[in-house]
Amino acid sequence: MIVFVDFEASSLGKRGFPVEVGWAAEDGTEEGYLIRPAPDWEEWSPEAERVHGLSLNCLRREGTAHDVVARRMVEALSGHDLYASAPSWDGQWLSRLLRAAGLPRHALRLRDTEEAHRQAVLAALGSAGNEQMEEVIDAARRAVEAGGAPTHRALDDARRELRLWREVVRHAGGGPEAPS
């Protein structure tokens, strides 16, 4: 099953850490968690806080313990095709979360959302999809962007990635428009 994953982070620095994770799956299941920081996670960027709107105090009060979130992700997402729109960044946050929980950093692997889009177009159009790839994906992207900008909240952004993938499938003729 295809699942779209998104993280929000404390900063884009080398010691930044995940503050929120959300995922949305093609079967309609979804989950999202604020992440209570691990004891040695300290790097905080006021700029990042302005983007996602989550304060460190909020995470400490309302967040789920980092190790609980990591174990839940492995339990729920193992064996599925996981995609992220920024797999290098999201992969960094995922790896940091898994390692802090004492889990193997590659217990889950993220691939680029663009790969899911290309696969959807080729599945619907076969070899002709290569010629129409950009047109189909651009049309789908415009349809989703008409609904507004990303919110920079993990679950909302994962849902947006799922909507985009469904639009790619629809524009490629691979199926009816899926519910949002």
Protein backbone atom coordinates (compact mmCIF):
# COMPACT_ATOMS: atom_id res chain seq x y z
CA MET A 1 0.00 0.00 0.00
CA ILE A 2 1.18 3.52 -0.77
CA VAL A 3 1.59 5.85 2.23
CA PHE A 4 2.67 9.49 2.20
CA VAL A 5 4.71 10.66 5.20
CA ASP A 6 5.58 14.18 6.28
CA PHE A 7 7.62 15.59 9.16
CA GLU A 8 7.96 19.04 10.65
CA ALA A 9 11.23 19.82 12.39
CA SER A 10 12.82 22.00 15.06
CA SER A 11 15.31 23.42 12.57
CA LEU A 12 17.13 22.63 9.36
CA GLY A 13 20.44 22.51 11.25
CA LYS A 14 22.58 19.42 11.75
CA ARG A 15 21.09 18.81 15.21
CA GLY A 16 17.49 19.64 14.30
CA PHE A 17 14.92 17.05 15.29
CA PRO A 18 11.41 15.95 14.32
CA VAL A 19 8.59 17.75 16.12
CA GLU A 20 5.60 16.30 14.26
CA VAL A 21 4.90 13.41 11.92
CA GLY A 22 1.83 12.53 9.90
CA TRP A 23 0.98 9.90 7.34
CA ALA A 24 -1.90 9.33 4.96
CA ALA A 25 -2.42 6.03 3.15
CA GLU A 26 -4.21 5.20 -0.07
CA ASP A 27 -6.77 3.12 1.90
CA GLY A 28 -7.80 6.23 3.85
CA THR A 29 -6.00 5.44 7.10
CA GLU A 30 -4.01 8.27 8.59
CA GLU A 31 -2.25 9.20 11.81
CA GLY A 32 -0.44 12.22 13.14
CA TYR A 33 1.62 12.89 16.26
CA LEU A 34 3.27 15.79 17.98
CA ILE A 35 6.63 14.43 19.15
CA ARG A 36 7.90 15.08 22.66
CA PRO A 37 11.65 15.65 22.22
CA ALA A 38 14.22 13.12 23.37
CA PRO A 39 16.39 14.42 26.25
CA ASP A 40 19.37 15.27 24.02
CA TRP A 41 17.32 17.01 21.31
CA GLU A 42 18.00 20.68 21.88
CA GLU A 43 18.48 22.59 18.61
CA TRP A 44 15.54 24.93 18.18
CA SER A 45 14.95 27.52 15.46
CA PRO A 46 12.51 30.38 15.98
CA GLU A 47 12.19 30.52 12.18
CA ALA A 48 11.05 26.88 12.04
CA GLU A 49 8.59 27.56 14.85
CA ARG A 50 7.13 30.43 12.83
CA VAL A 51 6.64 28.06 9.86
CA HIS A 52 4.87 25.21 11.68
CA GLY A 53 3.53 27.15 14.65
CA LEU A 54 4.56 24.57 17.25
CA SER A 55 6.40 25.74 20.35
CA LEU A 56 8.85 23.67 22.34
CA ASN A 57 6.62 24.05 25.40
CA CYS A 58 3.64 22.73 23.43
CA LEU A 59 5.65 19.65 22.37
CA ARG A 60 6.76 18.99 25.94
CA ARG A 61 3.18 19.34 27.22
CA GLU A 62 1.15 17.74 24.44
CA GLY A 63 3.60 15.60 22.48
CA THR A 64 3.75 11.83 22.50
CA ALA A 65 7.07 10.41 23.70
CA HIS A 66 9.52 10.08 20.80
CA ASP A 67 10.05 6.35 21.37
CA VAL A 68 6.30 5.65 21.39
CA VAL A 69 5.92 7.50 18.07
CA ALA A 70 8.87 5.63 16.56
CA ARG A 71 7.52 2.21 17.58
CA ARG A 72 4.05 3.11 16.28
CA MET A 73 5.52 4.14 12.93
CA VAL A 74 7.39 0.85 12.58
CA GLU A 75 4.29 -1.09 13.59
CA ALA A 76 1.94 0.76 11.24
CA LEU A 77 4.21 1.42 8.26
CA SER A 78 6.48 -1.60 7.89
CA GLY A 79 5.95 -3.41 4.62
CA HIS A 80 4.30 -0.45 2.88
CA ASP A 81 5.60 1.83 0.12
CA LEU A 82 6.48 5.06 1.93
CA TYR A 83 6.83 8.33 0.05
CA ALA A 84 7.79 11.86 1.05
CA SER A 85 7.96 15.06 -0.96
CA ALA A 86 11.36 15.86 0.58
CA PRO A 87 12.82 12.41 1.26
CA SER A 88 16.29 13.63 2.18
CA TRP A 89 14.95 15.95 4.91
CA ASP A 90 12.10 13.69 6.01
CA GLY A 91 14.49 10.73 5.95
CA GLN A 92 16.85 12.63 8.24
CA TRP A 93 14.04 13.26 10.76
CA LEU A 94 12.84 9.66 10.49
CA SER A 95 16.36 8.33 11.07
CA ARG A 96 16.87 10.63 14.07
CA LEU A 97 13.54 9.49 15.56
CA LEU A 98 14.26 5.79 15.05
CA ARG A 99 17.80 6.00 16.44
CA ALA A 100 16.65 7.92 19.52
CA ALA A 101 14.16 5.11 20.21
CA GLY A 102 16.88 2.47 19.90
CA LEU A 103 15.50 1.17 16.58
CA PRO A 104 17.51 0.56 13.40
CA ARG A 105 17.71 3.80 11.46
CA HIS A 106 16.69 2.00 8.26
CA ALA A 107 13.71 0.18 9.78
CA LEU A 108 11.59 2.34 7.46
CA ARG A 109 12.68 3.83 4.14
CA LEU A 110 11.22 6.83 2.34
CA ARG A 111 11.18 7.26 -1.41
CA ASP A 112 10.51 10.41 -3.40
CA THR A 113 6.86 11.24 -4.05
CA GLU A 114 7.83 11.97 -7.66
CA GLU A 115 8.58 8.26 -8.06
CA ALA A 116 5.00 7.41 -7.04
CA HIS A 117 3.73 9.93 -9.60
CA ARG A 118 5.83 8.47 -12.40
CA GLN A 119 4.74 4.93 -11.53
CA ALA A 120 1.07 5.98 -11.58
CA VAL A 121 1.38 7.58 -15.00
CA LEU A 122 3.21 4.59 -16.47
CA ALA A 123 0.73 2.14 -14.93
CA ALA A 124 -2.16 4.01 -16.58
CA LEU A 125 -0.59 4.90 -19.93
CA GLY A 126 2.14 2.32 -20.48
CA SER A 127 5.07 3.45 -22.62
CA ALA A 128 3.01 6.39 -23.92
CA GLY A 129 3.18 7.73 -20.38
CA ASN A 130 6.81 8.76 -20.88
CA GLU A 131 5.73 11.35 -23.43
CA GLN A 132 2.84 12.65 -21.32
CA MET A 133 4.51 12.38 -17.90
CA GLU A 134 5.20 16.07 -17.26
CA GLU A 135 1.85 17.21 -18.65
CA VAL A 136 -0.12 14.79 -16.46
CA ILE A 137 1.83 15.57 -13.30
CA ASP A 138 1.68 19.34 -13.90
CA ALA A 139 -2.11 19.19 -14.43
CA ALA A 140 -2.52 17.24 -11.20
CA ARG A 141 -0.27 19.65 -9.32
CA ARG A 142 -2.27 22.67 -10.56
CA ALA A 143 -5.52 21.00 -9.43
CA VAL A 144 -4.17 20.44 -5.91
CA GLU A 145 -2.51 23.86 -5.66
CA ALA A 146 -5.86 25.47 -6.46
CA GLY A 147 -6.93 24.22 -3.03
CA GLY A 148 -4.33 26.36 -1.27
CA ALA A 149 -0.76 26.27 -0.07
CA PRO A 150 0.75 23.60 2.20
CA THR A 151 -0.01 24.21 5.88
CA HIS A 152 3.35 23.02 7.22
CA ARG A 153 1.56 20.71 9.61
CA ALA A 154 2.57 17.10 9.09
CA LEU A 155 -0.77 15.32 8.74
CA ASP A 156 -2.29 18.05 6.58
CA ASP A 157 0.74 18.00 4.28
CA ALA A 158 0.71 14.18 4.08
CA ARG A 159 -2.98 14.37 3.11
CA ARG A 160 -2.07 16.92 0.45
CA GLU A 161 0.54 14.55 -1.00
CA LEU A 162 -2.06 11.77 -1.10
CA ARG A 163 -4.49 14.11 -2.91
CA LEU A 164 -1.79 14.99 -5.41
CA TRP A 165 -1.03 11.32 -6.10
CA ARG A 166 -4.76 10.63 -6.56
CA GLU A 167 -4.97 13.55 -8.99
CA VAL A 168 -2.02 12.16 -10.94
CA VAL A 169 -3.81 8.81 -11.17
CA ARG A 170 -7.02 10.54 -12.27
CA HIS A 171 -5.30 12.77 -14.85
CA ALA A 172 -3.47 9.77 -16.26
CA GLY A 173 -6.78 8.00 -16.70
CA GLY A 174 -5.87 5.35 -14.15
CA GLY A 175 -9.13 5.54 -12.26
CA PRO A 176 -11.95 7.76 -11.08
CA GLU A 177 -11.17 10.75 -8.94
CA ALA A 178 -10.58 9.39 -5.47
CA PRO A 179 -12.19 11.13 -2.52
CA SER A 180 -10.03 13.74 -0.80
